[in-house]
C-alpha atoms as a PDB file:
ATOM      1  CA  UNK A   1       0.000   0.000   0.000  1.00  0.00           C
ATOM      2  CA  UNK A   2       1.310   3.459  -0.922  1.00  0.00           C
ATOM      3  CA  UNK A   3       1.911   5.646   2.161  1.00  0.00           C
ATOM      4  CA  UNK A   4      -0.208   8.776   2.520  1.00  0.00           C
ATOM      5  CA  UNK A   5      -0.290  11.962   4.570  1.00  0.00           C
ATOM      6  CA  UNK A   6      -2.601  11.160   7.511  1.00  0.00           C
ATOM      7  CA  UNK A   7      -5.900  13.043   7.657  1.00  0.00           C
ATOM      8  CA  UNK A   8      -5.358  14.677   4.251  1.00  0.00           C
ATOM      9  CA  UNK A   9      -7.904  14.359   1.462  1.00  0.00           C
ATOM     10  CA  UNK A  10      -6.722  13.199  -1.965  1.00  0.00           C
ATOM     11  CA  UNK A  11      -8.223  15.004  -4.937  1.00  0.00           C
ATOM     12  CA  UNK A  12      -7.739  15.436  -8.671  1.00  0.00           C
ATOM     13  CA  UNK A  13      -8.135  18.953 -10.021  1.00  0.00           C
ATOM     14  CA  UNK A  14      -7.508  20.741 -13.320  1.00  0.00           C
ATOM     15  CA  UNK A  15      -4.192  22.290 -14.143  1.00  0.00           C
ATOM     16  CA  UNK A  16      -3.804  23.757 -17.631  1.00  0.00           C
ATOM     17  CA  UNK A  17      -4.350  22.397 -21.144  1.00  0.00           C
ATOM     18  CA  UNK A  18      -6.604  19.596 -19.918  1.00  0.00           C
ATOM     19  CA  UNK A  19      -3.974  18.183 -17.539  1.00  0.00           C
ATOM     20  CA  UNK A  20      -5.219  17.032 -14.134  1.00  0.00           C
ATOM     21  CA  UNK A  21      -3.088  17.113 -11.013  1.00  0.00           C
ATOM     22  CA  UNK A  22      -3.387  14.820  -8.014  1.00  0.00           C
ATOM     23  CA  UNK A  23      -3.029  16.555  -4.665  1.00  0.00           C
ATOM     24  CA  UNK A  24      -3.249  15.928  -0.931  1.00  0.00           C
ATOM     25  CA  UNK A  25      -5.135  18.693   0.875  1.00  0.00           C
ATOM     26  CA  UNK A  26      -5.543  19.175   4.609  1.00  0.00           C
ATOM     27  CA  UNK A  27      -5.782  21.616   7.494  1.00  0.00           C
ATOM     28  CA  UNK A  28      -7.452  25.009   7.558  1.00  0.00           C
ATOM     29  CA  UNK A  29      -6.447  28.649   7.365  1.00  0.00           C
ATOM     30  CA  UNK A  30      -4.391  30.671   4.899  1.00  0.00           C
ATOM     31  CA  UNK A  31      -3.214  28.483   1.991  1.00  0.00           C
ATOM     32  CA  UNK A  32       0.301  27.112   1.544  1.00  0.00           C
ATOM     33  CA  UNK A  33       1.178  25.031  -1.514  1.00  0.00           C
ATOM     34  CA  UNK A  34       4.135  22.633  -1.213  1.00  0.00           C
ATOM     35  CA  UNK A  35       5.840  21.327  -4.386  1.00  0.00           C
ATOM     36  CA  UNK A  36       7.969  18.185  -4.341  1.00  0.00           C
ATOM     37  CA  UNK A  37      11.319  17.412  -5.930  1.00  0.00           C
ATOM     38  CA  UNK A  38      13.071  14.574  -7.768  1.00  0.00           C
ATOM     39  CA  UNK A  39      12.810  11.599  -7.579  1.00  0.00           C
ATOM     40  CA  UNK A  40       9.841  12.037  -5.289  1.00  0.00           C
ATOM     41  CA  UNK A  41       6.138  12.834  -5.051  1.00  0.00           C
ATOM     42  CA  UNK A  42       4.012  15.011  -2.786  1.00  0.00           C
ATOM     43  CA  UNK A  43       4.677  12.403  -0.068  1.00  0.00           C
ATOM     44  CA  UNK A  44       8.037  14.059   0.689  1.00  0.00           C
ATOM     45  CA  UNK A  45       6.092  16.794   2.512  1.00  0.00           C
ATOM     46  CA  UNK A  46       4.297  14.388   4.875  1.00  0.00           C
ATOM     47  CA  UNK A  47       6.031  15.601   8.061  1.00  0.00           C
ATOM     48  CA  UNK A  48       6.001  19.312   7.234  1.00  0.00           C
ATOM     49  CA  UNK A  49       2.423  19.184   5.957  1.00  0.00           C
ATOM     50  CA  UNK A  50       1.151  17.659   9.191  1.00  0.00           C
ATOM     51  CA  UNK A  51       2.951  20.320  11.218  1.00  0.00           C
ATOM     52  CA  UNK A  52       1.570  23.199   9.142  1.00  0.00           C
ATOM     53  CA  UNK A  53      -1.980  21.865   8.890  1.00  0.00           C
ATOM     54  CA  UNK A  54      -2.890  23.146  12.355  1.00  0.00           C
ATOM     55  CA  UNK A  55      -2.462  26.724  11.092  1.00  0.00           C
ATOM     56  CA  UNK A  56      -2.884  26.600   7.317  1.00  0.00           C
ATOM     57  CA  UNK A  57      -4.686  24.933   4.470  1.00  0.00           C
ATOM     58  CA  UNK A  58      -1.861  22.816   3.073  1.00  0.00           C
ATOM     59  CA  UNK A  59      -1.946  21.711  -0.568  1.00  0.00           C
ATOM     60  CA  UNK A  60       0.590  19.138  -1.753  1.00  0.00           C
ATOM     61  CA  UNK A  61       0.229  18.343  -5.469  1.00  0.00           C
ATOM     62  CA  UNK A  62       2.149  15.941  -7.635  1.00  0.00           C
ATOM     63  CA  UNK A  63       3.677  18.010 -10.428  1.00  0.00           C
ATOM     64  CA  UNK A  64       2.550  17.240 -13.960  1.00  0.00           C
ATOM     65  CA  UNK A  65       4.559  14.252 -15.143  1.00  0.00           C
ATOM     66  CA  UNK A  66       5.079  12.892 -11.622  1.00  0.00           C
ATOM     67  CA  UNK A  67       3.264  10.661  -9.148  1.00  0.00           C
ATOM     68  CA  UNK A  68      -0.465  10.305  -9.740  1.00  0.00           C
ATOM     69  CA  UNK A  69      -0.772  13.460 -11.862  1.00  0.00           C
ATOM     70  CA  UNK A  70      -1.279  13.333 -15.623  1.00  0.00           C
ATOM     71  CA  UNK A  71       1.771  12.753 -17.788  1.00  0.00           C
ATOM     72  CA  UNK A  72       1.117  14.347 -21.167  1.00  0.00           C
ATOM     73  CA  UNK A  73       3.389  13.500 -24.062  1.00  0.00           C
ATOM     74  CA  UNK A  74       6.118  16.085 -24.625  1.00  0.00           C
ATOM     75  CA  UNK A  75       4.864  17.188 -28.025  1.00  0.00           C
ATOM     76  CA  UNK A  76       6.789  20.450 -27.671  1.00  0.00           C
ATOM     77  CA  UNK A  77       9.228  22.072 -25.249  1.00  0.00           C
ATOM     78  CA  UNK A  78       6.497  24.099 -23.562  1.00  0.00           C
ATOM     79  CA  UNK A  79       4.648  20.997 -22.278  1.00  0.00           C
ATOM     80  CA  UNK A  80       7.135  20.578 -19.409  1.00  0.00           C
ATOM     81  CA  UNK A  81       8.435  24.120 -19.200  1.00  0.00           C
ATOM     82  CA  UNK A  82       8.448  25.499 -15.690  1.00  0.00           C
ATOM     83  CA  UNK A  83       6.157  28.247 -16.991  1.00  0.00           C
ATOM     84  CA  UNK A  84       3.518  25.658 -17.871  1.00  0.00           C
ATOM     85  CA  UNK A  85       4.047  23.722 -14.637  1.00  0.00           C
ATOM     86  CA  UNK A  86       3.732  26.950 -12.636  1.00  0.00           C
ATOM     87  CA  UNK A  87       0.471  27.763 -14.428  1.00  0.00           C
ATOM     88  CA  UNK A  88      -0.771  24.296 -13.422  1.00  0.00           C
ATOM     89  CA  UNK A  89      -0.179  25.126  -9.763  1.00  0.00           C
ATOM     90  CA  UNK A  90      -1.959  28.479  -9.994  1.00  0.00           C
ATOM     91  CA  UNK A  91      -4.933  26.788 -11.692  1.00  0.00           C
ATOM     92  CA  UNK A  92      -5.014  24.034  -9.066  1.00  0.00           C
ATOM     93  CA  UNK A  93      -5.075  26.547  -6.214  1.00  0.00           C
ATOM     94  CA  UNK A  94      -7.799  28.542  -7.950  1.00  0.00           C
ATOM     95  CA  UNK A  95      -9.890  25.385  -8.330  1.00  0.00           C
ATOM     96  CA  UNK A  96      -9.673  25.050  -4.543  1.00  0.00           C
ATOM     97  CA  UNK A  97     -10.820  28.647  -4.128  1.00  0.00           C
ATOM     98  CA  UNK A  98      -7.437  30.279  -3.481  1.00  0.00           C
ATOM     99  CA  UNK A  99      -6.574  33.264  -5.674  1.00  0.00           C
ATOM    100  CA  UNK A 100      -3.537  34.078  -3.510  1.00  0.00           C
ATOM    101  CA  UNK A 101      -1.319  31.660  -1.642  1.00  0.00           C
ATOM    102  CA  UNK A 102       2.176  31.022  -0.304  1.00  0.00           C
ATOM    103  CA  UNK A 103       4.304  28.626  -2.353  1.00  0.00           C
ATOM    104  CA  UNK A 104       7.242  26.489  -1.228  1.00  0.00           C
ATOM    105  CA  UNK A 105       9.155  24.155  -3.506  1.00  0.00           C
ATOM    106  CA  UNK A 106      11.970  21.654  -3.200  1.00  0.00           C
ATOM    107  CA  UNK A 107      14.362  20.726  -6.023  1.00  0.00           C
ATOM    108  CA  UNK A 108      12.293  20.499  -9.262  1.00  0.00           C
ATOM    109  CA  UNK A 109       9.323  21.934  -7.419  1.00  0.00           C
ATOM    110  CA  UNK A 110      11.472  24.879  -6.360  1.00  0.00           C
ATOM    111  CA  UNK A 111      12.208  25.657 -10.009  1.00  0.00           C
ATOM    112  CA  UNK A 112       8.470  25.619 -10.689  1.00  0.00           C
ATOM    113  CA  UNK A 113       7.947  27.868  -7.657  1.00  0.00           C
ATOM    114  CA  UNK A 114      10.631  30.292  -8.863  1.00  0.00           C
ATOM    115  CA  UNK A 115       8.946  30.571 -12.248  1.00  0.00           C
ATOM    116  CA  UNK A 116       5.552  31.046 -10.567  1.00  0.00           C
ATOM    117  CA  UNK A 117       7.022  33.908  -8.542  1.00  0.00           C
ATOM    118  CA  UNK A 118       8.176  35.688 -11.693  1.00  0.00           C
ATOM    119  CA  UNK A 119       5.104  34.937 -13.815  1.00  0.00           C
ATOM    120  CA  UNK A 120       2.398  35.348 -11.146  1.00  0.00           C
ATOM    121  CA  UNK A 121       3.587  37.977  -8.649  1.00  0.00           C
ATOM    122  CA  UNK A 122       0.013  39.034  -7.931  1.00  0.00           C
ATOM    123  CA  UNK A 123      -0.853  35.479  -6.866  1.00  0.00           C
ATOM    124  CA  UNK A 124       2.032  34.497  -4.586  1.00  0.00           C
ATOM    125  CA  UNK A 125       2.172  36.046  -1.131  1.00  0.00           C
ATOM    126  CA  UNK A 126       5.433  34.337  -0.084  1.00  0.00           C
ATOM    127  CA  UNK A 127       7.977  32.110  -1.800  1.00  0.00           C
ATOM    128  CA  UNK A 128      10.117  29.367  -0.247  1.00  0.00           C
ATOM    129  CA  UNK A 129      12.923  27.588  -2.094  1.00  0.00           C
ATOM    130  CA  UNK A 130      14.730  24.445  -0.920  1.00  0.00           C
ATOM    131  CA  UNK A 131      18.148  23.449  -2.274  1.00  0.00           C
ATOM    132  CA  UNK A 132      18.307  24.777  -5.829  1.00  0.00           C
ATOM    133  CA  UNK A 133      19.561  27.698  -7.851  1.00  0.00           C
ATOM    134  CA  UNK A 134      17.480  29.234 -10.619  1.00  0.00           C
ATOM    135  CA  UNK A 135      17.939  27.241 -13.823  1.00  0.00           C
ATOM    136  CA  UNK A 136      20.020  29.874 -15.595  1.00  0.00           C
ATOM    137  CA  UNK A 137      22.399  30.202 -12.634  1.00  0.00           C
ATOM    138  CA  UNK A 138      22.577  26.436 -12.145  1.00  0.00           C
ATOM    139  CA  UNK A 139      24.059  25.960 -15.596  1.00  0.00           C
ATOM    140  CA  UNK A 140      26.462  28.861 -15.018  1.00  0.00           C
ATOM    141  CA  UNK A 141      28.034  27.249 -11.931  1.00  0.00           C
ATOM    142  CA  UNK A 142      28.335  23.693 -13.306  1.00  0.00           C
ATOM    143  CA  UNK A 143      31.786  23.483 -14.835  1.00  0.00           C
ATOM    144  CA  UNK A 144      34.887  21.322 -14.494  1.00  0.00           C
ATOM    145  CA  UNK A 145      35.181  18.139 -12.468  1.00  0.00           C
ATOM    146  CA  UNK A 146      32.838  19.324  -9.646  1.00  0.00           C
ATOM    147  CA  UNK A 147      30.020  19.417 -12.213  1.00  0.00           C
ATOM    148  CA  UNK A 148      30.009  15.606 -12.174  1.00  0.00           C
ATOM    149  CA  UNK A 149      27.661  15.838  -9.186  1.00  0.00           C
ATOM    150  CA  UNK A 150      25.034  16.984 -11.685  1.00  0.00           C
ATOM    151  CA  UNK A 151      25.645  14.338 -14.345  1.00  0.00           C
ATOM    152  CA  UNK A 152      21.928  13.557 -14.521  1.00  0.00           C
ATOM    153  CA  UNK A 153      21.245  17.096 -15.706  1.00  0.00           C
ATOM    154  CA  UNK A 154      23.434  16.510 -18.737  1.00  0.00           C
ATOM    155  CA  UNK A 155      22.116  12.997 -19.384  1.00  0.00           C
ATOM    156  CA  UNK A 156      18.477  14.053 -19.403  1.00  0.00           C
ATOM    157  CA  UNK A 157      19.252  17.110 -21.530  1.00  0.00           C
ATOM    158  CA  UNK A 158      20.054  14.861 -24.496  1.00  0.00           C
ATOM    159  CA  UNK A 159      17.629  14.539 -27.437  1.00  0.00           C
ATOM    160  CA  UNK A 160      14.657  12.202 -26.970  1.00  0.00           C
ATOM    161  CA  UNK A 161      15.354   8.494 -27.158  1.00  0.00           C
ATOM    162  CA  UNK A 162      18.598   7.436 -25.537  1.00  0.00           C
ATOM    163  CA  UNK A 163      18.114   8.929 -22.035  1.00  0.00           C
ATOM    164  CA  UNK A 164      14.634   7.435 -21.734  1.00  0.00           C
ATOM    165  CA  UNK A 165      15.851   4.015 -22.867  1.00  0.00           C
ATOM    166  CA  UNK A 166      18.869   3.972 -20.568  1.00  0.00           C
ATOM    167  CA  UNK A 167      16.875   5.073 -17.529  1.00  0.00           C
ATOM    168  CA  UNK A 168      13.896   2.798 -18.156  1.00  0.00           C
ATOM    169  CA  UNK A 169      16.201  -0.217 -18.455  1.00  0.00           C
ATOM    170  CA  UNK A 170      17.591   0.390 -14.955  1.00  0.00           C
ATOM    171  CA  UNK A 171      14.930   2.570 -13.349  1.00  0.00           C
ATOM    172  CA  UNK A 172      15.223   1.358  -9.743  1.00  0.00           C
ATOM    173  CA  UNK A 173      19.013   1.548  -9.795  1.00  0.00           C
ATOM    174  CA  UNK A 174      18.966   4.987 -11.420  1.00  0.00           C
ATOM    175  CA  UNK A 175      16.363   6.676  -9.245  1.00  0.00           C
ATOM    176  CA  UNK A 176      17.504   4.831  -6.140  1.00  0.00           C
ATOM    177  CA  UNK A 177      21.036   6.113  -6.601  1.00  0.00           C
ATOM    178  CA  UNK A 178      19.863   9.676  -5.952  1.00  0.00           C
ATOM    179  CA  UNK A 179      17.922   8.689  -2.859  1.00  0.00           C
ATOM    180  CA  UNK A 180      21.102   7.035  -1.565  1.00  0.00           C
ATOM    181  CA  UNK A 181      23.643   9.680  -2.574  1.00  0.00           C
ATOM    182  CA  UNK A 182      21.704  12.785  -1.620  1.00  0.00           C
ATOM    183  CA  UNK A 183      20.295  11.722   1.745  1.00  0.00           C
ATOM    184  CA  UNK A 184      22.210  12.960   4.756  1.00  0.00           C
ATOM    185  CA  UNK A 185      20.103  10.588   6.857  1.00  0.00           C
ATOM    186  CA  UNK A 186      18.923   7.545   4.848  1.00  0.00           C
ATOM    187  CA  UNK A 187      16.580   6.541   7.697  1.00  0.00           C
ATOM    188  CA  UNK A 188      14.512   9.644   6.906  1.00  0.00           C
ATOM    189  CA  UNK A 189      13.203   7.820   3.820  1.00  0.00           C
ATOM    190  CA  UNK A 190      11.895   4.507   5.198  1.00  0.00           C
ATOM    191  CA  UNK A 191      11.460   1.530   2.933  1.00  0.00           C
ATOM    192  CA  UNK A 192       7.716   1.962   2.184  1.00  0.00           C
ATOM    193  CA  UNK A 193       8.303   5.587   1.183  1.00  0.00           C
ATOM    194  CA  UNK A 194      11.384   4.708  -0.871  1.00  0.00           C
ATOM    195  CA  UNK A 195       9.421   1.988  -2.648  1.00  0.00           C
ATOM    196  CA  UNK A 196       6.634   4.465  -3.428  1.00  0.00           C
ATOM    197  CA  UNK A 197       9.125   6.912  -4.921  1.00  0.00           C
ATOM    198  CA  UNK A 198      10.732   4.215  -7.053  1.00  0.00           C
ATOM    199  CA  UNK A 199       7.380   2.931  -8.336  1.00  0.00           C
ATOM    200  CA  UNK A 200       6.210   6.414  -9.209  1.00  0.00           C
ATOM    201  CA  UNK A 201       9.465   7.335 -10.933  1.00  0.00           C
ATOM    202  CA  UNK A 202       9.701   4.120 -12.950  1.00  0.00           C
ATOM    203  CA  UNK A 203       6.172   4.801 -14.243  1.00  0.00           C
ATOM    204  CA  UNK A 204       7.090   8.329 -15.318  1.00  0.00           C
ATOM    205  CA  UNK A 205      10.442   8.063 -17.091  1.00  0.00           C
ATOM    206  CA  UNK A 206       9.467   9.936 -20.302  1.00  0.00           C
ATOM    207  CA  UNK A 207       7.831  12.826 -18.443  1.00  0.00           C
ATOM    208  CA  UNK A 208      10.610  13.139 -15.865  1.00  0.00           C
ATOM    209  CA  UNK A 209      13.191  13.288 -18.644  1.00  0.00           C
ATOM    210  CA  UNK A 210      11.048  15.848 -20.478  1.00  0.00           C
ATOM    211  CA  UNK A 211      10.955  17.998 -17.338  1.00  0.00           C
ATOM    212  CA  UNK A 212      14.746  17.954 -17.125  1.00  0.00           C
ATOM    213  CA  UNK A 213      15.170  18.446 -20.874  1.00  0.00           C
ATOM    214  CA  UNK A 214      13.074  21.614 -20.619  1.00  0.00           C
ATOM    215  CA  UNK A 215      15.560  22.927 -18.061  1.00  0.00           C
ATOM    216  CA  UNK A 216      18.317  22.716 -20.667  1.00  0.00           C
ATOM    217  CA  UNK A 217      16.252  24.595 -23.231  1.00  0.00           C
ATOM    218  CA  UNK A 218      13.050  26.565 -22.868  1.00  0.00           C
ATOM    219  CA  UNK A 219      13.496  27.230 -19.134  1.00  0.00           C
ATOM    220  CA  UNK A 220      16.885  28.837 -19.794  1.00  0.00           C
ATOM    221  CA  UNK A 221      15.269  31.023 -22.444  1.00  0.00           C
ATOM    222  CA  UNK A 222      12.589  32.161 -20.017  1.00  0.00           C
ATOM    223  CA  UNK A 223      15.083  32.874 -17.220  1.00  0.00           C
ATOM    224  CA  UNK A 224      17.368  34.794 -19.565  1.00  0.00           C
ATOM    225  CA  UNK A 225      14.485  36.954 -20.756  1.00  0.00           C
ATOM    226  CA  UNK A 226      13.668  37.845 -17.153  1.00  0.00           C
ATOM    227  CA  UNK A 227      17.292  38.572 -16.344  1.00  0.00           C
ATOM    228  CA  UNK A 228      17.604  40.803 -19.415  1.00  0.00           C
ATOM    229  CA  UNK A 229      14.416  42.622 -18.370  1.00  0.00           C
ATOM    230  CA  UNK A 230      15.673  43.098 -14.807  1.00  0.00           C
ATOM    231  CA  UNK A 231      12.747  41.113 -13.384  1.00  0.00           C
ATOM    232  CA  UNK A 232      12.850  40.258  -9.693  1.00  0.00           C
ATOM    233  CA  UNK A 233      10.720  38.383  -7.194  1.00  0.00           C
ATOM    234  CA  UNK A 234       8.353  40.879  -5.585  1.00  0.00           C
ATOM    235  CA  UNK A 235       7.354  38.803  -2.536  1.00  0.00           C
ATOM    236  CA  UNK A 236       9.330  37.797   0.580  1.00  0.00           C
ATOM    237  CA  UNK A 237      11.616  34.879  -0.293  1.00  0.00           C
ATOM    238  CA  UNK A 238      13.291  32.310   1.947  1.00  0.00           C
ATOM    239  CA  UNK A 239      15.955  30.004   0.516  1.00  0.00           C
ATOM    240  CA  UNK A 240      17.270  27.025   2.492  1.00  0.00           C
ATOM    241  CA  UNK A 241      20.255  25.251   0.950  1.00  0.00           C
ATOM    242  CA  UNK A 242      23.109  22.935   1.623  1.00  0.00           C
ATOM    243  CA  UNK A 243      26.408  24.774   1.272  1.00  0.00           C
ATOM    244  CA  UNK A 244      26.785  24.085  -2.449  1.00  0.00           C
ATOM    245  CA  UNK A 245      28.540  27.414  -2.929  1.00  0.00           C
ATOM    246  CA  UNK A 246      31.606  26.154  -1.078  1.00  0.00           C
ATOM    247  CA  UNK A 247      31.621  22.895  -3.055  1.00  0.00           C
ATOM    248  CA  UNK A 248      31.176  24.467  -6.484  1.00  0.00           C
ATOM    249  CA  UNK A 249      32.836  27.834  -5.938  1.00  0.00           C
ATOM    250  CA  UNK A 250      30.111  30.471  -5.941  1.00  0.00           C
ATOM    251  CA  UNK A 251      28.267  32.747  -3.512  1.00  0.00           C
ATOM    252  CA  UNK A 252      24.791  31.202  -3.259  1.00  0.00           C
ATOM    253  CA  UNK A 253      23.294  34.056  -1.249  1.00  0.00           C
ATOM    254  CA  UNK A 254      24.531  36.602  -3.789  1.00  0.00           C
ATOM    255  CA  UNK A 255      23.057  34.591  -6.653  1.00  0.00           C
ATOM    256  CA  UNK A 256      19.679  34.557  -4.968  1.00  0.00           C
ATOM    257  CA  UNK A 257      19.823  38.180  -3.857  1.00  0.00           C
ATOM    258  CA  UNK A 258      20.067  39.271  -7.495  1.00  0.00           C
ATOM    259  CA  UNK A 259      16.601  37.780  -8.020  1.00  0.00           C
ATOM    260  CA  UNK A 260      15.067  38.344  -4.579  1.00  0.00           C
ATOM    261  CA  UNK A 261      15.602  41.722  -2.851  1.00  0.00           C
ATOM    262  CA  UNK A 262      13.560  40.599   0.198  1.00  0.00           C
ATOM    263  CA  UNK A 263      15.656  37.500   0.921  1.00  0.00           C
ATOM    264  CA  UNK A 264      16.255  35.294   3.942  1.00  0.00           C
ATOM    265  CA  UNK A 265      19.029  32.888   2.895  1.00  0.00           C
ATOM    266  CA  UNK A 266      19.765  29.973   5.215  1.00  0.00           C
ATOM    267  CA  UNK A 267      22.237  27.103   5.163  1.00  0.00           C
ATOM    268  CA  UNK A 268      21.322  23.719   6.599  1.00  0.00           C
ATOM    269  CA  UNK A 269      23.340  20.796   7.869  1.00  0.00           C
ATOM    270  CA  UNK A 270      20.690  18.389   6.598  1.00  0.00           C
ATOM    271  CA  UNK A 271      21.048  16.530   3.329  1.00  0.00           C
ATOM    272  CA  UNK A 272      19.214  17.305   0.121  1.00  0.00           C
ATOM    273  CA  UNK A 273      15.972  15.710   1.334  1.00  0.00           C
ATOM    274  CA  UNK A 274      15.750  18.249   4.129  1.00  0.00           C
ATOM    275  CA  UNK A 275      11.959  18.282   4.475  1.00  0.00           C
ATOM    276  CA  UNK A 276      12.176  14.610   5.463  1.00  0.00           C
ATOM    277  CA  UNK A 277      15.503  14.754   7.305  1.00  0.00           C
ATOM    278  CA  UNK A 278      14.885  17.960   9.276  1.00  0.00           C
ATOM    279  CA  UNK A 279      11.125  18.630   9.235  1.00  0.00           C
ATOM    280  CA  UNK A 280      11.166  20.819  12.349  1.00  0.00           C
ATOM    281  CA  UNK A 281      13.855  23.045  10.818  1.00  0.00           C
ATOM    282  CA  UNK A 282      12.031  23.348   7.503  1.00  0.00           C
ATOM    283  CA  UNK A 283       8.650  23.906   9.148  1.00  0.00           C
ATOM    284  CA  UNK A 284      10.223  26.639  11.250  1.00  0.00           C
ATOM    285  CA  UNK A 285      11.716  28.312   8.181  1.00  0.00           C
ATOM    286  CA  UNK A 286       8.313  28.275   6.458  1.00  0.00           C
ATOM    287  CA  UNK A 287       6.567  29.692   9.523  1.00  0.00           C
ATOM    288  CA  UNK A 288       9.158  32.469   9.727  1.00  0.00           C
ATOM    289  CA  UNK A 289       8.643  33.218   6.039  1.00  0.00           C
ATOM    290  CA  UNK A 290       4.876  33.477   6.450  1.00  0.00           C
ATOM    291  CA  UNK A 291       5.293  36.044   9.220  1.00  0.00           C
ATOM    292  CA  UNK A 292       7.204  38.451   6.965  1.00  0.00           C
END
């Protein structure tokens, strides 16, 4: 049986272009939407969602192409652009009656959240980002031998065909390798949860690859256009990251400050899966953000 977030309802609601998103919804109060990362589903927020549900309506969708959400064929680069995925999230929240909401994303979900902040500033009240850089900046800092840590970014950026075949032929080994390598505390992802992530990822290889391929193409184009226009995030922003700047040789806070004038930048000792490894810390960071 697939684990769930206790006491949350599970719904399917419209995103954009006829795509439906699955989401877990619980609690009551001002709305907070939590977006998952790779190779995960909304289940990664189970601890944080329960903690926030006493104060907020908490909405945890599976992104398009992931989990139980629809997985449309990538008939063009825009299908899995972060702009389209961000529009999905805005439509989902609106279907639940929320025209304005706080948005927090981890990993891939953080890239969707970043794009939502730029494209929908009138909709987002607060923005939280866990353990990424904006797409444009991510490619700028990946160079030389240290860039090997992001080999999957280069693999899934290749033209359609080979990446999907390679990954599908060893899906559990491939997706499991990230759960092993990126977890500071492997016990934070117990076996039933790990199994759920692996099942969901193996069933979504083409759409996951399409999501990553978009980040080597159309997402860069969108970010560059915003940089050229001097666009910035208008809402309060909190970023929580591992100290990747030291490892890859850049100033992470400075990178984010260029996009987010109202920035709270925090470093964590937890691993990449920080919402599962350090839920009290992440819940506290989100509560602090919502008070700004």
